[in-house]
PDB file of all heavy atoms in Angstrom:
ATOM      1  N   ALA A   1     126.363  72.781  56.455  1.00  0.00           N
ATOM      2  CA  ALA A   1     126.330  72.243  57.809  1.00  0.00           C
ATOM      3  C   ALA A   1     126.859  73.276  58.813  1.00  0.00           C
ATOM      4  O   ALA A   1     126.294  73.451  59.900  1.00  0.00           O
ATOM      5  CB  ALA A   1     127.144  70.960  57.895  1.00  0.00           C
ATOM      6  N   LEU A   2     127.934  73.956  58.478  1.00  0.00           N
ATOM      7  CA  LEU A   2     128.477  74.986  59.360  1.00  0.00           C
ATOM      8  C   LEU A   2     127.505  76.148  59.527  1.00  0.00           C
ATOM      9  O   LEU A   2     127.305  76.648  60.638  1.00  0.00           O
ATOM     10  CB  LEU A   2     129.822  75.486  58.835  1.00  0.00           C
ATOM     11  CG  LEU A   2     130.998  74.514  58.978  1.00  0.00           C
ATOM     12  CD1 LEU A   2     132.240  75.062  58.278  1.00  0.00           C
ATOM     13  CD2 LEU A   2     131.294  74.263  60.438  1.00  0.00           C
ATOM     14  N   LEU A   3     126.881  76.572  58.436  1.00  0.00           N
ATOM     15  CA  LEU A   3     125.927  77.683  58.503  1.00  0.00           C
ATOM     16  C   LEU A   3     124.696  77.305  59.333  1.00  0.00           C
ATOM     17  O   LEU A   3     124.235  78.093  60.165  1.00  0.00           O
ATOM     18  CB  LEU A   3     125.506  78.113  57.096  1.00  0.00           C
ATOM     19  CG  LEU A   3     126.549  78.901  56.310  1.00  0.00           C
ATOM     20  CD1 LEU A   3     126.060  79.166  54.889  1.00  0.00           C
ATOM     21  CD2 LEU A   3     126.863  80.213  57.002  1.00  0.00           C
ATOM     22  N   LEU A   4     124.163  76.117  59.107  1.00  0.00           N
ATOM     23  CA  LEU A   4     122.982  75.696  59.861  1.00  0.00           C
ATOM     24  C   LEU A   4     123.314  75.471  61.332  1.00  0.00           C
ATOM     25  O   LEU A   4     122.513  75.808  62.209  1.00  0.00           O
ATOM     26  CB  LEU A   4     122.389  74.424  59.248  1.00  0.00           C
ATOM     27  CG  LEU A   4     121.688  74.620  57.901  1.00  0.00           C
ATOM     28  CD1 LEU A   4     121.272  73.281  57.327  1.00  0.00           C
ATOM     29  CD2 LEU A   4     120.505  75.541  58.044  1.00  0.00           C
ATOM     30  N   GLY A   5     124.465  74.903  61.631  1.00  0.00           N
ATOM     31  CA  GLY A   5     124.874  74.718  63.027  1.00  0.00           C
ATOM     32  C   GLY A   5     125.044  76.049  63.735  1.00  0.00           C
ATOM     33  O   GLY A   5     124.588  76.231  64.865  1.00  0.00           O
ATOM     34  N   GLY A   6     125.705  76.993  63.094  1.00  0.00           N
ATOM     35  CA  GLY A   6     125.888  78.324  63.686  1.00  0.00           C
ATOM     36  C   GLY A   6     124.555  79.041  63.860  1.00  0.00           C
ATOM     37  O   GLY A   6     124.314  79.692  64.876  1.00  0.00           O
ATOM     38  N   GLY A   7     123.685  78.924  62.880  1.00  0.00           N
ATOM     39  CA  GLY A   7     122.362  79.561  62.979  1.00  0.00           C
ATOM     40  C   GLY A   7     121.532  78.951  64.098  1.00  0.00           C
ATOM     41  O   GLY A   7     120.827  79.661  64.824  1.00  0.00           O
ATOM     42  N   GLY A   8     121.591  77.634  64.255  1.00  0.00           N
ATOM     43  CA  GLY A   8     120.859  76.974  65.330  1.00  0.00           C
ATOM     44  C   GLY A   8     121.382  77.380  66.695  1.00  0.00           C
ATOM     45  O   GLY A   8     120.609  77.635  67.629  1.00  0.00           O
ATOM     46  N   PHE A   9     122.717  77.459  66.828  1.00  0.00           N
ATOM     47  CA  PHE A   9     123.304  77.890  68.092  1.00  0.00           C
ATOM     48  C   PHE A   9     122.852  79.305  68.425  1.00  0.00           C
ATOM     49  O   PHE A   9     122.451  79.595  69.552  1.00  0.00           O
ATOM     50  CB  PHE A   9     124.830  77.828  68.023  1.00  0.00           C
ATOM     51  CG  PHE A   9     125.502  78.459  69.206  1.00  0.00           C
ATOM     52  CD1 PHE A   9     125.553  77.786  70.416  1.00  0.00           C
ATOM     53  CD2 PHE A   9     126.055  79.729  69.122  1.00  0.00           C
ATOM     54  CE1 PHE A   9     126.150  78.357  71.520  1.00  0.00           C
ATOM     55  CE2 PHE A   9     126.650  80.311  70.218  1.00  0.00           C
ATOM     56  CZ  PHE A   9     126.706  79.629  71.425  1.00  0.00           C
ATOM     57  N   TYR A  10     122.880  80.204  67.442  1.00  0.00           N
ATOM     58  CA  TYR A  10     122.475  81.586  67.692  1.00  0.00           C
ATOM     59  C   TYR A  10     121.000  81.657  68.077  1.00  0.00           C
ATOM     60  O   TYR A  10     120.628  82.412  68.978  1.00  0.00           O
ATOM     61  CB  TYR A  10     122.749  82.461  66.465  1.00  0.00           C
ATOM     62  CG  TYR A  10     122.230  83.870  66.662  1.00  0.00           C
ATOM     63  CD1 TYR A  10     122.912  84.750  67.486  1.00  0.00           C
ATOM     64  CD2 TYR A  10     121.053  84.291  66.060  1.00  0.00           C
ATOM     65  CE1 TYR A  10     122.433  86.022  67.702  1.00  0.00           C
ATOM     66  CE2 TYR A  10     120.559  85.559  66.275  1.00  0.00           C
ATOM     67  CZ  TYR A  10     121.251  86.424  67.101  1.00  0.00           C
ATOM     68  OH  TYR A  10     120.773  87.683  67.322  1.00  0.00           O
ATOM     69  N   ALA A  11     120.153  80.881  67.414  1.00  0.00           N
ATOM     70  CA  ALA A  11     118.725  80.925  67.703  1.00  0.00           C
ATOM     71  C   ALA A  11     118.442  80.469  69.135  1.00  0.00           C
ATOM     72  O   ALA A  11     117.623  81.060  69.841  1.00  0.00           O
ATOM     73  CB  ALA A  11     117.960  80.058  66.709  1.00  0.00           C
ATOM     74  N   VAL A  12     119.131  79.451  69.597  1.00  0.00           N
ATOM     75  CA  VAL A  12     118.922  78.971  70.969  1.00  0.00           C
ATOM     76  C   VAL A  12     119.536  79.950  71.957  1.00  0.00           C
ATOM     77  O   VAL A  12     118.938  80.281  72.975  1.00  0.00           O
ATOM     78  CB  VAL A  12     119.509  77.551  71.145  1.00  0.00           C
ATOM     79  CG1 VAL A  12     119.498  77.142  72.606  1.00  0.00           C
ATOM     80  CG2 VAL A  12     118.743  76.551  70.312  1.00  0.00           C
ATOM     81  N   TYR A  13     120.728  80.440  71.687  1.00  0.00           N
ATOM     82  CA  TYR A  13     121.422  81.354  72.587  1.00  0.00           C
ATOM     83  C   TYR A  13     120.663  82.674  72.729  1.00  0.00           C
ATOM     84  O   TYR A  13     120.575  83.232  73.814  1.00  0.00           O
ATOM     85  CB  TYR A  13     122.843  81.607  72.080  1.00  0.00           C
ATOM     86  CG  TYR A  13     123.660  82.481  73.000  1.00  0.00           C
ATOM     87  CD1 TYR A  13     124.165  81.963  74.188  1.00  0.00           C
ATOM     88  CD2 TYR A  13     123.924  83.803  72.690  1.00  0.00           C
ATOM     89  CE1 TYR A  13     124.905  82.746  75.039  1.00  0.00           C
ATOM     90  CE2 TYR A  13     124.662  84.598  73.531  1.00  0.00           C
ATOM     91  CZ  TYR A  13     125.155  84.070  74.707  1.00  0.00           C
ATOM     92  OH  TYR A  13     125.885  84.859  75.553  1.00  0.00           O
ATOM     93  N   ALA A  14     120.107  83.168  71.650  1.00  0.00           N
ATOM     94  CA  ALA A  14     119.386  84.432  71.680  1.00  0.00           C
ATOM     95  C   ALA A  14     117.980  84.268  72.231  1.00  0.00           C
ATOM     96  O   ALA A  14     117.281  85.254  72.457  1.00  0.00           O
ATOM     97  CB  ALA A  14     119.335  85.040  70.277  1.00  0.00           C
ATOM     98  N   GLY A  15     117.540  83.044  72.425  1.00  0.00           N
ATOM     99  CA  GLY A  15     116.214  82.825  72.985  1.00  0.00           C
ATOM    100  C   GLY A  15     115.111  82.823  71.951  1.00  0.00           C
ATOM    101  O   GLY A  15     113.944  82.920  72.304  1.00  0.00           O
ATOM    102  N   LEU A  16     115.461  82.709  70.701  1.00  0.00           N
ATOM    103  CA  LEU A  16     114.447  82.710  69.655  1.00  0.00           C
ATOM    104  C   LEU A  16     113.655  81.409  69.633  1.00  0.00           C
ATOM    105  O   LEU A  16     112.502  81.396  69.205  1.00  0.00           O
ATOM    106  CB  LEU A  16     115.101  82.944  68.289  1.00  0.00           C
ATOM    107  CG  LEU A  16     115.856  84.268  68.130  1.00  0.00           C
ATOM    108  CD1 LEU A  16     116.563  84.307  66.791  1.00  0.00           C
ATOM    109  CD2 LEU A  16     114.913  85.434  68.292  1.00  0.00           C
ATOM    110  N   LEU A  17     114.260  80.315  70.088  1.00  0.00           N
ATOM    111  CA  LEU A  17     113.576  79.026  70.049  1.00  0.00           C
ATOM    112  C   LEU A  17     113.038  78.576  71.400  1.00  0.00           C
ATOM    113  O   LEU A  17     111.900  78.162  71.503  1.00  0.00           O
ATOM    114  CB  LEU A  17     114.518  77.939  69.505  1.00  0.00           C
ATOM    115  CG  LEU A  17     114.881  78.030  68.036  1.00  0.00           C
ATOM    116  CD1 LEU A  17     115.804  76.891  67.660  1.00  0.00           C
ATOM    117  CD2 LEU A  17     113.649  78.008  67.173  1.00  0.00           C
ATOM    118  N   PHE A  18     113.834  78.632  72.442  1.00  0.00           N
ATOM    119  CA  PHE A  18     113.451  78.046  73.717  1.00  0.00           C
ATOM    120  C   PHE A  18     113.486  79.066  74.843  1.00  0.00           C
ATOM    121  O   PHE A  18     114.420  79.120  75.626  1.00  0.00           O
ATOM    122  CB  PHE A  18     114.370  76.871  74.079  1.00  0.00           C
ATOM    123  CG  PHE A  18     114.343  75.754  73.079  1.00  0.00           C
ATOM    124  CD1 PHE A  18     115.431  75.512  72.268  1.00  0.00           C
ATOM    125  CD2 PHE A  18     113.228  74.967  72.935  1.00  0.00           C
ATOM    126  CE1 PHE A  18     115.418  74.491  71.356  1.00  0.00           C
ATOM    127  CE2 PHE A  18     113.196  73.948  72.018  1.00  0.00           C
ATOM    128  CZ  PHE A  18     114.293  73.707  71.225  1.00  0.00           C
ATOM    129  N   GLY A  19     112.489  79.884  74.969  1.00  0.00           N
ATOM    130  CA  GLY A  19     112.356  80.746  76.140  1.00  0.00           C
ATOM    131  C   GLY A  19     113.059  82.072  76.021  1.00  0.00           C
ATOM    132  O   GLY A  19     113.452  82.522  74.957  1.00  0.00           O
ATOM    133  N   ALA A  20     113.211  82.687  77.174  1.00  0.00           N
ATOM    134  CA  ALA A  20     113.762  84.027  77.266  1.00  0.00           C
ATOM    135  C   ALA A  20     115.253  84.020  76.962  1.00  0.00           C
ATOM    136  O   ALA A  20     115.928  83.014  77.107  1.00  0.00           O
ATOM    137  CB  ALA A  20     113.526  84.579  78.664  1.00  0.00           C
ATOM    138  N   PRO A  21     115.773  85.152  76.532  1.00  0.00           N
ATOM    139  CA  PRO A  21     117.206  85.221  76.249  1.00  0.00           C
ATOM    140  C   PRO A  21     118.037  85.014  77.511  1.00  0.00           C
ATOM    141  O   PRO A  21     117.655  85.403  78.598  1.00  0.00           O
ATOM    142  CB  PRO A  21     117.394  86.626  75.689  1.00  0.00           C
ATOM    143  CG  PRO A  21     116.185  87.385  76.047  1.00  0.00           C
ATOM    144  CD  PRO A  21     115.087  86.400  76.278  1.00  0.00           C
ATOM    145  N   ALA A  22     119.172  84.374  77.322  1.00  0.00           N
ATOM    146  CA  ALA A  22     120.084  84.142  78.443  1.00  0.00           C
ATOM    147  C   ALA A  22     120.936  85.374  78.641  1.00  0.00           C
ATOM    148  O   ALA A  22     121.774  85.691  77.819  1.00  0.00           O
ATOM    149  CB  ALA A  22     120.957  82.935  78.154  1.00  0.00           C
ATOM    150  N   THR A  23     120.713  86.083  79.738  1.00  0.00           N
ATOM    151  CA  THR A  23     121.492  87.285  80.020  1.00  0.00           C
ATOM    152  C   THR A  23     122.282  87.078  81.296  1.00  0.00           C
ATOM    153  O   THR A  23     121.843  86.382  82.214  1.00  0.00           O
ATOM    154  CB  THR A  23     120.575  88.521  80.179  1.00  0.00           C
ATOM    155  OG1 THR A  23     119.654  88.250  81.244  1.00  0.00           O
ATOM    156  CG2 THR A  23     119.813  88.803  78.903  1.00  0.00           C
ATOM    157  N   ALA A  24     123.410  87.681  81.351  1.00  0.00           N
ATOM    158  CA  ALA A  24     124.292  87.528  82.497  1.00  0.00           C
ATOM    159  C   ALA A  24     123.764  88.297  83.711  1.00  0.00           C
ATOM    160  O   ALA A  24     123.978  87.900  84.842  1.00  0.00           O
ATOM    161  CB  ALA A  24     125.699  88.010  82.149  1.00  0.00           C
ATOM    162  N   ASP A  25     123.078  89.401  83.481  1.00  0.00           N
ATOM    163  CA  ASP A  25     122.589  90.208  84.584  1.00  0.00           C
ATOM    164  C   ASP A  25     121.096  89.968  84.817  1.00  0.00           C
ATOM    165  O   ASP A  25     120.315  90.895  84.937  1.00  0.00           O
ATOM    166  CB  ASP A  25     122.892  91.689  84.356  1.00  0.00           C
ATOM    167  CG  ASP A  25     122.405  92.163  82.985  1.00  0.00           C
ATOM    168  OD1 ASP A  25     122.564  91.408  82.011  1.00  0.00           O
ATOM    169  OD2 ASP A  25     121.861  93.288  82.911  1.00  0.00           O
ATOM    170  N   ALA A  26     120.712  88.706  84.899  1.00  0.00           N
ATOM    171  CA  ALA A  26     119.323  88.346  85.148  1.00  0.00           C
ATOM    172  C   ALA A  26     118.962  88.741  86.581  1.00  0.00           C
ATOM    173  O   ALA A  26     119.785  88.707  87.485  1.00  0.00           O
ATOM    174  CB  ALA A  26     119.116  86.846  84.962  1.00  0.00           C
ATOM    175  N   GLU A  27     117.712  89.107  86.776  1.00  0.00           N
ATOM    176  CA  GLU A  27     117.253  89.539  88.084  1.00  0.00           C
ATOM    177  C   GLU A  27     117.231  88.383  89.057  1.00  0.00           C
ATOM    178  O   GLU A  27     116.753  87.310  88.736  1.00  0.00           O
ATOM    179  CB  GLU A  27     115.838  90.105  87.968  1.00  0.00           C
ATOM    180  CG  GLU A  27     115.759  91.572  88.237  1.00  0.00           C
ATOM    181  CD  GLU A  27     114.330  92.058  88.154  1.00  0.00           C
ATOM    182  OE1 GLU A  27     113.549  91.725  89.052  1.00  0.00           O
ATOM    183  OE2 GLU A  27     114.032  92.741  87.185  1.00  0.00           O
ATOM    184  N   GLU A  28     117.747  88.590  90.247  1.00  0.00           N
ATOM    185  CA  GLU A  28     117.705  87.574  91.287  1.00  0.00           C
ATOM    186  C   GLU A  28     116.289  87.541  91.854  1.00  0.00           C
ATOM    187  O   GLU A  28     115.682  88.582  92.082  1.00  0.00           O
ATOM    188  CB  GLU A  28     118.690  87.925  92.402  1.00  0.00           C
ATOM    189  CG  GLU A  28     120.116  87.956  91.941  1.00  0.00           C
ATOM    190  CD  GLU A  28     120.909  86.842  92.593  1.00  0.00           C
ATOM    191  OE1 GLU A  28     120.405  86.204  93.499  1.00  0.00           O
ATOM    192  OE2 GLU A  28     122.048  86.649  92.148  1.00  0.00           O
ATOM    193  N   PRO A  29     115.762  86.336  92.092  1.00  0.00           N
ATOM    194  CA  PRO A  29     114.425  86.276  92.676  1.00  0.00           C
ATOM    195  C   PRO A  29     114.435  86.840  94.093  1.00  0.00           C
ATOM    196  O   PRO A  29     115.391  86.647  94.849  1.00  0.00           O
ATOM    197  CB  PRO A  29     114.093  84.781  92.679  1.00  0.00           C
ATOM    198  CG  PRO A  29     115.408  84.101  92.619  1.00  0.00           C
ATOM    199  CD  PRO A  29     116.332  85.023  91.876  1.00  0.00           C
ATOM    200  N   GLU A  30     113.380  87.522  94.448  1.00  0.00           N
ATOM    201  CA  GLU A  30     113.302  88.122  95.763  1.00  0.00           C
ATOM    202  C   GLU A  30     112.996  87.038  96.788  1.00  0.00           C
ATOM    203  O   GLU A  30     112.046  86.277  96.641  1.00  0.00           O
ATOM    204  CB  GLU A  30     112.199  89.178  95.794  1.00  0.00           C
ATOM    205  CG  GLU A  30     112.230  90.010  97.041  1.00  0.00           C
ATOM    206  CD  GLU A  30     111.270  91.170  96.962  1.00  0.00           C
ATOM    207  OE1 GLU A  30     111.241  91.846  95.935  1.00  0.00           O
ATOM    208  OE2 GLU A  30     110.540  91.377  97.940  1.00  0.00           O
ATOM    209  N   LEU A  31     113.847  86.936  97.793  1.00  0.00           N
ATOM    210  CA  LEU A  31     113.693  85.914  98.815  1.00  0.00           C
ATOM    211  C   LEU A  31     112.739  86.389  99.896  1.00  0.00           C
ATOM    212  O   LEU A  31     112.754  87.561 100.284  1.00  0.00           O
ATOM    213  CB  LEU A  31     115.048  85.581  99.440  1.00  0.00           C
ATOM    214  CG  LEU A  31     116.104  85.028  98.490  1.00  0.00           C
ATOM    215  CD1 LEU A  31     117.429  84.872  99.214  1.00  0.00           C
ATOM    216  CD2 LEU A  31     115.657  83.713  97.915  1.00  0.00           C
ATOM    217  N   GLU A  32     111.931  85.454 100.381  1.00  0.00           N
ATOM    218  CA  GLU A  32     111.044  85.780 101.484  1.00  0.00           C
ATOM    219  C   GLU A  32     111.853  85.838 102.768  1.00  0.00           C
ATOM    220  O   GLU A  32     112.799  85.068 102.943  1.00  0.00           O
ATOM    221  CB  GLU A  32     109.962  84.712 101.606  1.00  0.00           C
ATOM    222  CG  GLU A  32     109.031  84.661 100.429  1.00  0.00           C
ATOM    223  CD  GLU A  32     107.969  83.580 100.610  1.00  0.00           C
ATOM    224  OE1 GLU A  32     107.711  83.172 101.768  1.00  0.00           O
ATOM    225  OE2 GLU A  32     107.409  83.165  99.604  1.00  0.00           O
ATOM    226  N   PRO A  33     111.482  86.704 103.686  1.00  0.00           N
ATOM    227  CA  PRO A  33     112.224  86.742 104.951  1.00  0.00           C
ATOM    228  C   PRO A  33     111.969  85.470 105.751  1.00  0.00           C
ATOM    229  O   PRO A  33     110.925  84.838 105.633  1.00  0.00           O
ATOM    230  CB  PRO A  33     111.649  87.968 105.665  1.00  0.00           C
ATOM    231  CG  PRO A  33     110.327  88.205 105.030  1.00  0.00           C
ATOM    232  CD  PRO A  33     110.428  87.691 103.622  1.00  0.00           C
ATOM    233  N   LEU A  34     112.965  85.106 106.546  1.00  0.00           N
ATOM    234  CA  LEU A  34     112.834  83.919 107.388  1.00  0.00           C
ATOM    235  C   LEU A  34     111.758  84.148 108.442  1.00  0.00           C
ATOM    236  O   LEU A  34     111.549  85.283 108.890  1.00  0.00           O
ATOM    237  CB  LEU A  34     114.163  83.610 108.078  1.00  0.00           C
ATOM    238  CG  LEU A  34     115.276  83.104 107.176  1.00  0.00           C
ATOM    239  CD1 LEU A  34     116.561  82.967 107.971  1.00  0.00           C
ATOM    240  CD2 LEU A  34     114.898  81.779 106.555  1.00  0.00           C
ATOM    241  N   PRO A  35     111.095  83.082 108.858  1.00  0.00           N
ATOM    242  CA  PRO A  35     110.100  83.253 109.920  1.00  0.00           C
ATOM    243  C   PRO A  35     110.768  83.660 111.221  1.00  0.00           C
ATOM    244  O   PRO A  35     111.968  83.492 111.406  1.00  0.00           O
ATOM    245  CB  PRO A  35     109.441  81.877 110.026  1.00  0.00           C
ATOM    246  CG  PRO A  35     110.364  80.934 109.363  1.00  0.00           C
ATOM    247  CD  PRO A  35     111.176  81.715 108.384  1.00  0.00           C
ATOM    248  N   ASP A  36     109.979  84.172 112.128  1.00  0.00           N
ATOM    249  CA  ASP A  36     110.457  84.668 113.417  1.00  0.00           C
ATOM    250  C   ASP A  36     110.675  83.482 114.347  1.00  0.00           C
ATOM    251  O   ASP A  36     109.821  83.163 115.174  1.00  0.00           O
ATOM    252  CB  ASP A  36     109.429  85.644 113.984  1.00  0.00           C
ATOM    253  CG  ASP A  36     109.929  86.349 115.215  1.00  0.00           C
ATOM    254  OD1 ASP A  36     111.151  86.460 115.376  1.00  0.00           O
ATOM    255  OD2 ASP A  36     109.093  86.779 116.024  1.00  0.00           O
ATOM    256  N   ILE A  37     111.835  82.806 114.194  1.00  0.00           N
ATOM    257  CA  ILE A  37     112.103  81.605 114.981  1.00  0.00           C
ATOM    258  C   ILE A  37     113.435  81.715 115.694  1.00  0.00           C
ATOM    259  O   ILE A  37     114.291  82.518 115.326  1.00  0.00           O
ATOM    260  CB  ILE A  37     112.109  80.323 114.106  1.00  0.00           C
ATOM    261  CG1 ILE A  37     113.183  80.407 113.028  1.00  0.00           C
ATOM    262  CG2 ILE A  37     110.759  80.051 113.516  1.00  0.00           C
ATOM    263  CD1 ILE A  37     113.405  79.120 112.275  1.00  0.00           C
ATOM    264  N   ALA A  38     113.567  80.884 116.715  1.00  0.00           N
ATOM    265  CA  ALA A  38     114.824  80.754 117.449  1.00  0.00           C
ATOM    266  C   ALA A  38     114.983  79.284 117.809  1.00  0.00           C
ATOM    267  O   ALA A  38     114.005  78.534 117.860  1.00  0.00           O
ATOM    268  CB  ALA A  38     114.807  81.615 118.700  1.00  0.00           C
ATOM    269  N   PHE A  39     116.215  78.891 118.057  1.00  0.00           N
ATOM    270  CA  PHE A  39     116.495  77.508 118.430  1.00  0.00           C
ATOM    271  C   PHE A  39     117.084  77.496 119.835  1.00  0.00           C
ATOM    272  O   PHE A  39     118.083  78.161 120.098  1.00  0.00           O
ATOM    273  CB  PHE A  39     117.463  76.860 117.440  1.00  0.00           C
ATOM    274  CG  PHE A  39     116.874  76.702 116.072  1.00  0.00           C
ATOM    275  CD1 PHE A  39     117.123  77.637 115.077  1.00  0.00           C
ATOM    276  CD2 PHE A  39     116.049  75.633 115.783  1.00  0.00           C
ATOM    277  CE1 PHE A  39     116.572  77.497 113.826  1.00  0.00           C
ATOM    278  CE2 PHE A  39     115.494  75.488 114.533  1.00  0.00           C
ATOM    279  CZ  PHE A  39     115.753  76.421 113.540  1.00  0.00           C
ATOM    280  N   VAL A  40     116.447  76.734 120.691  1.00  0.00           N
ATOM    281  CA  VAL A  40     116.913  76.600 122.070  1.00  0.00           C
ATOM    282  C   VAL A  40     117.620  75.255 122.180  1.00  0.00           C
ATOM    283  O   VAL A  40     116.991  74.201 121.985  1.00  0.00           O
ATOM    284  CB  VAL A  40     115.736  76.672 123.067  1.00  0.00           C
ATOM    285  CG1 VAL A  40     116.222  76.473 124.490  1.00  0.00           C
ATOM    286  CG2 VAL A  40     114.991  77.980 122.912  1.00  0.00           C
ATOM    287  N   PRO A  41     118.926  75.254 122.451  1.00  0.00           N
ATOM    288  CA  PRO A  41     119.646  73.971 122.521  1.00  0.00           C
ATOM    289  C   PRO A  41     119.315  73.207 123.795  1.00  0.00           C
ATOM    290  O   PRO A  41     119.100  73.785 124.850  1.00  0.00           O
ATOM    291  CB  PRO A  41     121.112  74.385 122.500  1.00  0.00           C
ATOM    292  CG  PRO A  41     121.122  75.777 123.012  1.00  0.00           C
ATOM    293  CD  PRO A  41     119.807  76.393 122.632  1.00  0.00           C
ATOM    294  N   ILE A  42     119.262  71.903 123.651  1.00  0.00           N
ATOM    295  CA  ILE A  42     119.095  71.014 124.793  1.00  0.00           C
ATOM    296  C   ILE A  42     120.482  70.463 125.106  1.00  0.00           C
ATOM    297  O   ILE A  42     121.196  70.022 124.199  1.00  0.00           O
ATOM    298  CB  ILE A  42     118.113  69.873 124.466  1.00  0.00           C
ATOM    299  CG1 ILE A  42     116.721  70.458 124.214  1.00  0.00           C
ATOM    300  CG2 ILE A  42     118.076  68.846 125.573  1.00  0.00           C
ATOM    301  CD1 ILE A  42     115.694  69.452 123.777  1.00  0.00           C
ATOM    302  N   ALA A  43     120.859  70.504 126.346  1.00  0.00           N
ATOM    303  CA  ALA A  43     122.191  70.038 126.751  1.00  0.00           C
ATOM    304  C   ALA A  43     122.368  68.580 126.343  1.00  0.00           C
ATOM    305  O   ALA A  43     121.417  67.796 126.390  1.00  0.00           O
ATOM    306  CB  ALA A  43     122.354  70.189 128.250  1.00  0.00           C
ATOM    307  N   PRO A  44     123.579  68.196 125.938  1.00  0.00           N
ATOM    308  CA  PRO A  44     123.819  66.798 125.569  1.00  0.00           C
ATOM    309  C   PRO A  44     123.478  65.866 126.737  1.00  0.00           C
ATOM    310  O   PRO A  44     123.792  66.149 127.892  1.00  0.00           O
ATOM    311  CB  PRO A  44     125.316  66.751 125.259  1.00  0.00           C
ATOM    312  CG  PRO A  44     125.686  68.150 124.951  1.00  0.00           C
ATOM    313  CD  PRO A  44     124.775  69.013 125.748  1.00  0.00           C
ATOM    314  N   MET A  45     122.825  64.773 126.400  1.00  0.00           N
ATOM    315  CA  MET A  45     122.399  63.811 127.411  1.00  0.00           C
ATOM    316  C   MET A  45     123.046  62.463 127.105  1.00  0.00           C
ATOM    317  O   MET A  45     123.144  62.069 125.955  1.00  0.00           O
ATOM    318  CB  MET A  45     120.872  63.648 127.388  1.00  0.00           C
ATOM    319  CG  MET A  45     120.116  64.920 127.665  1.00  0.00           C
ATOM    320  SD  MET A  45     118.338  64.852 127.305  1.00  0.00           S
ATOM    321  CE  MET A  45     117.805  63.314 127.921  1.00  0.00           C
ATOM    322  N   VAL A  46     123.478  61.761 128.158  1.00  0.00           N
ATOM    323  CA  VAL A  46     123.957  60.385 128.033  1.00  0.00           C
ATOM    324  C   VAL A  46     123.020  59.542 128.882  1.00  0.00           C
ATOM    325  O   VAL A  46     122.942  59.719 130.103  1.00  0.00           O
ATOM    326  CB  VAL A  46     125.418  60.238 128.494  1.00  0.00           C
ATOM    327  CG1 VAL A  46     125.851  58.787 128.408  1.00  0.00           C
ATOM    328  CG2 VAL A  46     126.324  61.120 127.652  1.00  0.00           C
TER     329      VAL A  46
END
């Protein structure tokens, strides 16, 4: 049970079973620049 549990943990952690390996220095997705906008405030109205 200990051997199979440890082997299963390693297989998932290393990415052998479910997707890419989990690395600490994964690439950050490149963000798109914000659109060319501005906000014009409207004075508070009562």
